[in-house]
Amino acid sequence: MVVADRWYASSKLCSVCGYKHKDLSLSDRTWTCPECGRVHDRDENAARNLEHFATVSSTGSHACGELAQSGRSMKQESMSIH
């Protein structure tokens, strides 16, 4: 089982490019990524990010075999693996 930290920004990360929308509020149900232009439904985007988080956390690497890195490559911050 993989557990994301309670403060993991699953709703605020663009599931396409990894941009972090720091000013997203709970009342924002959709948002458009200023980096790649993708329009996100908040909950669907969070689900995609959590699925990605679980995949990367369980394998320790991305599909290309590189370890997760900060910034645009969607580093999973403050995670716990159980």
PDB file of N, CA and C in Angstrom:
ATOM      1  N   MET A   1       0.852  -1.173   0.000  1.00  0.00           N
ATOM      2  CA  MET A   1       0.000   0.000   0.000  1.00  0.00           C
ATOM      3  C   MET A   1       0.899   1.237   0.000  1.00  0.00           C
ATOM      4  N   VAL A   2       0.523   2.220  -0.783  1.00  0.00           N
ATOM      5  CA  VAL A   2       1.249   3.478  -0.850  1.00  0.00           C
ATOM      6  C   VAL A   2       0.355   4.563  -0.281  1.00  0.00           C
ATOM      7  N   VAL A   3       0.895   5.351   0.638  1.00  0.00           N
ATOM      8  CA  VAL A   3       0.116   6.411   1.283  1.00  0.00           C
ATOM      9  C   VAL A   3       0.744   7.758   0.947  1.00  0.00           C
ATOM     10  N   ALA A   4      -0.039   8.629   0.337  1.00  0.00           N
ATOM     11  CA  ALA A   4       0.433   9.990   0.053  1.00  0.00           C
ATOM     12  C   ALA A   4       0.267  10.827   1.310  1.00  0.00           C
ATOM     13  N   ASP A   5       1.235  11.668   1.562  1.00  0.00           N
ATOM     14  CA  ASP A   5       1.153  12.593   2.683  1.00  0.00           C
ATOM     15  C   ASP A   5      -0.122  13.423   2.567  1.00  0.00           C
ATOM     16  N   ARG A   6      -0.712  13.771   3.660  1.00  0.00           N
ATOM     17  CA  ARG A   6      -1.963  14.530   3.649  1.00  0.00           C
ATOM     18  C   ARG A   6      -1.822  15.861   2.909  1.00  0.00           C
ATOM     19  N   TRP A   7      -0.629  16.410   2.838  1.00  0.00           N
ATOM     20  CA  TRP A   7      -0.416  17.701   2.180  1.00  0.00           C
ATOM     21  C   TRP A   7       0.074  17.556   0.734  1.00  0.00           C
ATOM     22  N   TYR A   8       0.110  16.329   0.206  1.00  0.00           N
ATOM     23  CA  TYR A   8       0.490  16.128  -1.197  1.00  0.00           C
ATOM     24  C   TYR A   8      -0.520  16.880  -2.071  1.00  0.00           C
ATOM     25  N   ALA A   9      -0.020  17.700  -2.974  1.00  0.00           N
ATOM     26  CA  ALA A   9      -0.870  18.620  -3.756  1.00  0.00           C
ATOM     27  C   ALA A   9      -1.478  17.948  -4.986  1.00  0.00           C
ATOM     28  N   SER A  10      -2.228  16.884  -4.799  1.00  0.00           N
ATOM     29  CA  SER A  10      -2.770  16.128  -5.933  1.00  0.00           C
ATOM     30  C   SER A  10      -3.708  16.947  -6.808  1.00  0.00           C
ATOM     31  N   SER A  11      -4.446  17.870  -6.238  1.00  0.00           N
ATOM     32  CA  SER A  11      -5.365  18.706  -7.017  1.00  0.00           C
ATOM     33  C   SER A  11      -4.643  19.847  -7.714  1.00  0.00           C
ATOM     34  N   LYS A  12      -3.523  20.280  -7.149  1.00  0.00           N
ATOM     35  CA  LYS A  12      -2.829  21.464  -7.637  1.00  0.00           C
ATOM     36  C   LYS A  12      -1.771  21.188  -8.691  1.00  0.00           C
ATOM     37  N   LEU A  13      -1.421  19.917  -8.899  1.00  0.00           N
ATOM     38  CA  LEU A  13      -0.417  19.563  -9.896  1.00  0.00           C
ATOM     39  C   LEU A  13      -1.088  19.255 -11.222  1.00  0.00           C
ATOM     40  N   CYS A  14      -0.572  19.812 -12.292  1.00  0.00           N
ATOM     41  CA  CYS A  14      -1.075  19.465 -13.617  1.00  0.00           C
ATOM     42  C   CYS A  14      -0.655  18.029 -13.905  1.00  0.00           C
ATOM     43  N   SER A  15      -1.614  17.170 -14.179  1.00  0.00           N
ATOM     44  CA  SER A  15      -1.314  15.762 -14.434  1.00  0.00           C
ATOM     45  C   SER A  15      -0.673  15.542 -15.806  1.00  0.00           C
ATOM     46  N   VAL A  16      -0.580  16.594 -16.603  1.00  0.00           N
ATOM     47  CA  VAL A  16       0.042  16.497 -17.919  1.00  0.00           C
ATOM     48  C   VAL A  16       1.508  16.928 -17.871  1.00  0.00           C
ATOM     49  N   CYS A  17       1.777  18.118 -17.321  1.00  0.00           N
ATOM     50  CA  CYS A  17       3.144  18.653 -17.365  1.00  0.00           C
ATOM     51  C   CYS A  17       3.811  18.814 -16.002  1.00  0.00           C
ATOM     52  N   GLY A  18       3.046  18.714 -14.906  1.00  0.00           N
ATOM     53  CA  GLY A  18       3.631  18.807 -13.578  1.00  0.00           C
ATOM     54  C   GLY A  18       3.631  20.198 -12.963  1.00  0.00           C
ATOM     55  N   TYR A  19       3.093  21.194 -13.679  1.00  0.00           N
ATOM     56  CA  TYR A  19       3.010  22.557 -13.132  1.00  0.00           C
ATOM     57  C   TYR A  19       2.215  22.541 -11.834  1.00  0.00           C
ATOM     58  N   LYS A  20       2.659  23.306 -10.823  1.00  0.00           N
ATOM     59  CA  LYS A  20       1.940  23.379  -9.548  1.00  0.00           C
ATOM     60  C   LYS A  20       1.213  24.712  -9.444  1.00  0.00           C
ATOM     61  N   HIS A  21      -0.118  24.641  -9.367  1.00  0.00           N
ATOM     62  CA  HIS A  21      -0.987  25.828  -9.255  1.00  0.00           C
ATOM     63  C   HIS A  21      -1.125  26.153  -7.765  1.00  0.00           C
ATOM     64  N   LYS A  22      -0.235  26.983  -7.265  1.00  0.00           N
ATOM     65  CA  LYS A  22      -0.166  27.267  -5.831  1.00  0.00           C
ATOM     66  C   LYS A  22      -1.369  28.039  -5.300  1.00  0.00           C
ATOM     67  N   ASP A  23      -2.058  28.791  -6.154  1.00  0.00           N
ATOM     68  CA  ASP A  23      -3.163  29.628  -5.711  1.00  0.00           C
ATOM     69  C   ASP A  23      -4.535  28.986  -5.887  1.00  0.00           C
ATOM     70  N   LEU A  24      -4.604  27.705  -6.202  1.00  0.00           N
ATOM     71  CA  LEU A  24      -5.879  27.019  -6.384  1.00  0.00           C
ATOM     72  C   LEU A  24      -6.604  26.923  -5.043  1.00  0.00           C
ATOM     73  N   SER A  25      -7.862  27.356  -5.009  1.00  0.00           N
ATOM     74  CA  SER A  25      -8.636  27.284  -3.766  1.00  0.00           C
ATOM     75  C   SER A  25      -9.623  26.122  -3.833  1.00  0.00           C
ATOM     76  N   LEU A  26     -10.178  25.747  -2.703  1.00  0.00           N
ATOM     77  CA  LEU A  26     -11.132  24.643  -2.655  1.00  0.00           C
ATOM     78  C   LEU A  26     -12.373  24.911  -3.493  1.00  0.00           C
ATOM     79  N   SER A  27     -12.725  26.168  -3.674  1.00  0.00           N
ATOM     80  CA  SER A  27     -13.919  26.502  -4.459  1.00  0.00           C
ATOM     81  C   SER A  27     -13.675  26.400  -5.970  1.00  0.00           C
ATOM     82  N   ASP A  28     -12.412  26.312  -6.386  1.00  0.00           N
ATOM     83  CA  ASP A  28     -12.087  26.173  -7.810  1.00  0.00           C
ATOM     84  C   ASP A  28     -12.298  24.719  -8.223  1.00  0.00           C
ATOM     85  N   ARG A  29     -13.348  24.457  -9.010  1.00  0.00           N
ATOM     86  CA  ARG A  29     -13.648  23.089  -9.423  1.00  0.00           C
ATOM     87  C   ARG A  29     -12.947  22.717 -10.725  1.00  0.00           C
ATOM     88  N   THR A  30     -12.588  23.709 -11.532  1.00  0.00           N
ATOM     89  CA  THR A  30     -11.814  23.487 -12.749  1.00  0.00           C
ATOM     90  C   THR A  30     -10.721  24.543 -12.814  1.00  0.00           C
ATOM     91  N   TRP A  31      -9.661  24.221 -13.518  1.00  0.00           N
ATOM     92  CA  TRP A  31      -8.586  25.194 -13.735  1.00  0.00           C
ATOM     93  C   TRP A  31      -7.824  24.844 -15.003  1.00  0.00           C
ATOM     94  N   THR A  32      -7.219  25.864 -15.589  1.00  0.00           N
ATOM     95  CA  THR A  32      -6.450  25.699 -16.809  1.00  0.00           C
ATOM     96  C   THR A  32      -4.971  25.886 -16.489  1.00  0.00           C
ATOM     97  N   CYS A  33      -4.165  24.932 -16.893  1.00  0.00           N
ATOM     98  CA  CYS A  33      -2.725  25.002 -16.651  1.00  0.00           C
ATOM     99  C   CYS A  33      -2.116  26.096 -17.527  1.00  0.00           C
ATOM    100  N   PRO A  34      -1.408  27.053 -16.911  1.00  0.00           N
ATOM    101  CA  PRO A  34      -0.788  28.108 -17.700  1.00  0.00           C
ATOM    102  C   PRO A  34       0.433  27.630 -18.491  1.00  0.00           C
ATOM    103  N   GLU A  35       0.969  26.467 -18.170  1.00  0.00           N
ATOM    104  CA  GLU A  35       2.137  25.933 -18.871  1.00  0.00           C
ATOM    105  C   GLU A  35       1.756  25.184 -20.146  1.00  0.00           C
ATOM    106  N   CYS A  36       0.789  24.254 -20.046  1.00  0.00           N
ATOM    107  CA  CYS A  36       0.463  23.417 -21.208  1.00  0.00           C
ATOM    108  C   CYS A  36      -0.938  23.663 -21.768  1.00  0.00           C
ATOM    109  N   GLY A  37      -1.762  24.464 -21.048  1.00  0.00           N
ATOM    110  CA  GLY A  37      -3.088  24.813 -21.543  1.00  0.00           C
ATOM    111  C   GLY A  37      -4.181  23.790 -21.260  1.00  0.00           C
ATOM    112  N   ARG A  38      -3.871  22.699 -20.592  1.00  0.00           N
ATOM    113  CA  ARG A  38      -4.866  21.657 -20.305  1.00  0.00           C
ATOM    114  C   ARG A  38      -5.880  22.176 -19.285  1.00  0.00           C
ATOM    115  N   VAL A  39      -7.160  21.938 -19.569  1.00  0.00           N
ATOM    116  CA  VAL A  39      -8.233  22.295 -18.634  1.00  0.00           C
ATOM    117  C   VAL A  39      -8.484  21.077 -17.745  1.00  0.00           C
ATOM    118  N   HIS A  40      -8.461  21.275 -16.431  1.00  0.00           N
ATOM    119  CA  HIS A  40      -8.596  20.182 -15.475  1.00  0.00           C
ATOM    120  C   HIS A  40      -9.871  20.285 -14.661  1.00  0.00           C
ATOM    121  N   ASP A  41     -10.560  19.180 -14.483  1.00  0.00           N
ATOM    122  CA  ASP A  41     -11.554  19.032 -13.436  1.00  0.00           C
ATOM    123  C   ASP A  41     -10.735  18.697 -12.194  1.00  0.00           C
ATOM    124  N   ARG A  42     -10.967  19.411 -11.117  1.00  0.00           N
ATOM    125  CA  ARG A  42     -10.146  19.269  -9.916  1.00  0.00           C
ATOM    126  C   ARG A  42     -10.049  17.819  -9.441  1.00  0.00           C
ATOM    127  N   ASP A  43     -11.188  17.120  -9.330  1.00  0.00           N
ATOM    128  CA  ASP A  43     -11.194  15.764  -8.783  1.00  0.00           C
ATOM    129  C   ASP A  43     -10.575  14.753  -9.742  1.00  0.00           C
ATOM    130  N   GLU A  44     -10.869  14.868 -11.022  1.00  0.00           N
ATOM    131  CA  GLU A  44     -10.279  13.954 -12.004  1.00  0.00           C
ATOM    132  C   GLU A  44      -8.766  14.135 -12.074  1.00  0.00           C
ATOM    133  N   ASN A  45      -8.316  15.381 -12.022  1.00  0.00           N
ATOM    134  CA  ASN A  45      -6.892  15.667 -12.040  1.00  0.00           C
ATOM    135  C   ASN A  45      -6.211  15.074 -10.806  1.00  0.00           C
ATOM    136  N   ALA A  46      -6.836  15.230  -9.644  1.00  0.00           N
ATOM    137  CA  ALA A  46      -6.273  14.672  -8.410  1.00  0.00           C
ATOM    138  C   ALA A  46      -6.168  13.154  -8.503  1.00  0.00           C
ATOM    139  N   ALA A  47      -7.196  12.514  -9.056  1.00  0.00           N
ATOM    140  CA  ALA A  47      -7.181  11.054  -9.204  1.00  0.00           C
ATOM    141  C   ALA A  47      -6.035  10.613 -10.110  1.00  0.00           C
ATOM    142  N   ARG A  48      -5.820  11.329 -11.211  1.00  0.00           N
ATOM    143  CA  ARG A  48      -4.710  10.980 -12.119  1.00  0.00           C
ATOM    144  C   ARG A  48      -3.363  11.135 -11.415  1.00  0.00           C
ATOM    145  N   ASN A  49      -3.222  12.227 -10.657  1.00  0.00           N
ATOM    146  CA  ASN A  49      -1.969  12.456  -9.942  1.00  0.00           C
ATOM    147  C   ASN A  49      -1.729  11.402  -8.864  1.00  0.00           C
ATOM    148  N   LEU A  50      -2.763  10.996  -8.168  1.00  0.00           N
ATOM    149  CA  LEU A  50      -2.604   9.968  -7.135  1.00  0.00           C
ATOM    150  C   LEU A  50      -2.287   8.612  -7.757  1.00  0.00           C
ATOM    151  N   GLU A  51      -2.873   8.323  -8.903  1.00  0.00           N
ATOM    152  CA  GLU A  51      -2.537   7.082  -9.604  1.00  0.00           C
ATOM    153  C   GLU A  51      -1.063   7.092 -10.016  1.00  0.00           C
ATOM    154  N   HIS A  52      -0.613   8.223 -10.543  1.00  0.00           N
ATOM    155  CA  HIS A  52       0.791   8.373 -10.927  1.00  0.00           C
ATOM    156  C   HIS A  52       1.694   8.253  -9.696  1.00  0.00           C
ATOM    157  N   PHE A  53       1.304   8.885  -8.621  1.00  0.00           N
ATOM    158  CA  PHE A  53       2.054   8.836  -7.360  1.00  0.00           C
ATOM    159  C   PHE A  53       2.239   7.391  -6.907  1.00  0.00           C
ATOM    160  N   ALA A  54       1.164   6.614  -6.930  1.00  0.00           N
ATOM    161  CA  ALA A  54       1.227   5.213  -6.493  1.00  0.00           C
ATOM    162  C   ALA A  54       2.134   4.398  -7.408  1.00  0.00           C
ATOM    163  N   THR A  55       2.065   4.641  -8.702  1.00  0.00           N
ATOM    164  CA  THR A  55       2.890   3.905  -9.659  1.00  0.00           C
ATOM    165  C   THR A  55       4.366   4.213  -9.458  1.00  0.00           C
ATOM    166  N   VAL A  56       4.692   5.491  -9.352  1.00  0.00           N
ATOM    167  CA  VAL A  56       6.087   5.899  -9.170  1.00  0.00           C
ATOM    168  C   VAL A  56       6.596   5.447  -7.805  1.00  0.00           C
ATOM    169  N   SER A  57       5.770   5.560  -6.784  1.00  0.00           N
ATOM    170  CA  SER A  57       6.186   5.184  -5.437  1.00  0.00           C
ATOM    171  C   SER A  57       6.439   3.690  -5.316  1.00  0.00           C
ATOM    172  N   SER A  58       5.629   2.897  -5.981  1.00  0.00           N
ATOM    173  CA  SER A  58       5.780   1.447  -5.853  1.00  0.00           C
ATOM    174  C   SER A  58       6.965   0.920  -6.659  1.00  0.00           C
ATOM    175  N   THR A  59       7.344   1.618  -7.738  1.00  0.00           N
ATOM    176  CA  THR A  59       8.470   1.162  -8.547  1.00  0.00           C
ATOM    177  C   THR A  59       9.744   1.924  -8.232  1.00  0.00           C
ATOM    178  N   GLY A  60       9.594   3.130  -7.674  1.00  0.00           N
ATOM    179  CA  GLY A  60      10.753   3.954  -7.374  1.00  0.00           C
ATOM    180  C   GLY A  60      11.321   4.666  -8.585  1.00  0.00           C
ATOM    181  N   SER A  61      10.648   4.531  -9.730  1.00  0.00           N
ATOM    182  CA  SER A  61      11.154   5.172 -10.936  1.00  0.00           C
ATOM    183  C   SER A  61      10.012   5.507 -11.880  1.00  0.00           C
ATOM    184  N   HIS A  62      10.310   6.334 -12.852  1.00  0.00           N
ATOM    185  CA  HIS A  62       9.360   6.644 -13.914  1.00  0.00           C
ATOM    186  C   HIS A  62       9.409   5.536 -14.947  1.00  0.00           C
ATOM    187  N   ALA A  63       8.510   5.572 -15.885  1.00  0.00           N
ATOM    188  CA  ALA A  63       8.466   4.560 -16.937  1.00  0.00           C
ATOM    189  C   ALA A  63       9.773   4.493 -17.712  1.00  0.00           C
ATOM    190  N   CYS A  64      10.455   5.621 -17.834  1.00  0.00           N
ATOM    191  CA  CYS A  64      11.709   5.633 -18.589  1.00  0.00           C
ATOM    192  C   CYS A  64      12.876   5.142 -17.744  1.00  0.00           C
ATOM    193  N   GLY A  65      12.633   4.810 -16.461  1.00  0.00           N
ATOM    194  CA  GLY A  65      13.666   4.256 -15.608  1.00  0.00           C
ATOM    195  C   GLY A  65      14.415   5.270 -14.777  1.00  0.00           C
ATOM    196  N   GLU A  66      14.115   6.553 -14.945  1.00  0.00           N
ATOM    197  CA  GLU A  66      14.792   7.574 -14.161  1.00  0.00           C
ATOM    198  C   GLU A  66      14.084   7.763 -12.840  1.00  0.00           C
ATOM    199  N   LEU A  67      14.844   8.051 -11.813  1.00  0.00           N
ATOM    200  CA  LEU A  67      14.244   8.338 -10.521  1.00  0.00           C
ATOM    201  C   LEU A  67      13.482   9.647 -10.593  1.00  0.00           C
ATOM    202  N   ALA A  68      12.422   9.762  -9.780  1.00  0.00           N
ATOM    203  CA  ALA A  68      11.635  10.997  -9.745  1.00  0.00           C
ATOM    204  C   ALA A  68      12.534  12.150  -9.349  1.00  0.00           C
ATOM    205  N   GLN A  69      12.333  13.295  -9.997  1.00  0.00           N
ATOM    206  CA  GLN A  69      13.119  14.474  -9.692  1.00  0.00           C
ATOM    207  C   GLN A  69      12.181  15.627  -9.437  1.00  0.00           C
ATOM    208  N   SER A  70      12.707  16.710  -8.915  1.00  0.00           N
ATOM    209  CA  SER A  70      11.871  17.858  -8.568  1.00  0.00           C
ATOM    210  C   SER A  70      11.423  18.609  -9.807  1.00  0.00           C
ATOM    211  N   GLY A  71      10.534  19.569  -9.593  1.00  0.00           N
ATOM    212  CA  GLY A  71      10.089  20.437 -10.667  1.00  0.00           C
ATOM    213  C   GLY A  71       9.070  19.796 -11.573  1.00  0.00           C
ATOM    214  N   ARG A  72       9.260  19.942 -12.878  1.00  0.00           N
ATOM    215  CA  ARG A  72       8.290  19.531 -13.878  1.00  0.00           C
ATOM    216  C   ARG A  72       8.117  18.012 -13.977  1.00  0.00           C
ATOM    217  N   SER A  73       9.031  17.226 -13.385  1.00  0.00           N
ATOM    218  CA  SER A  73       8.899  15.780 -13.504  1.00  0.00           C
ATOM    219  C   SER A  73       8.006  15.193 -12.410  1.00  0.00           C
ATOM    220  N   MET A  74       7.296  16.026 -11.706  1.00  0.00           N
ATOM    221  CA  MET A  74       6.262  15.613 -10.763  1.00  0.00           C
ATOM    222  C   MET A  74       6.802  14.819  -9.578  1.00  0.00           C
ATOM    223  N   LYS A  75       7.780  15.338  -8.881  1.00  0.00           N
ATOM    224  CA  LYS A  75       8.321  14.685  -7.696  1.00  0.00           C
ATOM    225  C   LYS A  75       7.218  14.538  -6.655  1.00  0.00           C
ATOM    226  N   GLN A  76       7.140  13.373  -6.056  1.00  0.00           N
ATOM    227  CA  GLN A  76       6.176  13.156  -4.986  1.00  0.00           C
ATOM    228  C   GLN A  76       6.831  13.576  -3.678  1.00  0.00           C
ATOM    229  N   GLU A  77       6.333  14.658  -3.106  1.00  0.00           N
ATOM    230  CA  GLU A  77       6.899  15.213  -1.899  1.00  0.00           C
ATOM    231  C   GLU A  77       6.255  14.604  -0.667  1.00  0.00           C
ATOM    232  N   SER A  78       7.052  14.399   0.355  1.00  0.00           N
ATOM    233  CA  SER A  78       6.568  13.932   1.648  1.00  0.00           C
ATOM    234  C   SER A  78       5.700  12.698   1.548  1.00  0.00           C
ATOM    235  N   MET A  79       6.237  11.640   1.009  1.00  0.00           N
ATOM    236  CA  MET A  79       5.439  10.437   0.867  1.00  0.00           C
ATOM    237  C   MET A  79       5.830   9.402   1.894  1.00  0.00           C
ATOM    238  N   SER A  80       4.915   8.505   2.176  1.00  0.00           N
ATOM    239  CA  SER A  80       5.174   7.371   3.056  1.00  0.00           C
ATOM    240  C   SER A  80       4.812   6.120   2.285  1.00  0.00           C
ATOM    241  N   ILE A  81       5.655   5.123   2.371  1.00  0.00           N
ATOM    242  CA  ILE A  81       5.380   3.850   1.718  1.00  0.00           C
ATOM    243  C   ILE A  81       5.229   2.805   2.809  1.00  0.00           C
ATOM    244  N   HIS A  82       4.100   2.091   2.795  1.00  0.00           N
ATOM    245  CA  HIS A  82       3.828   1.058   3.797  1.00  0.00           C
ATOM    246  C   HIS A  82       3.641  -0.278   3.153  1.00  0.00           C
TER     247      HIS A  82
END
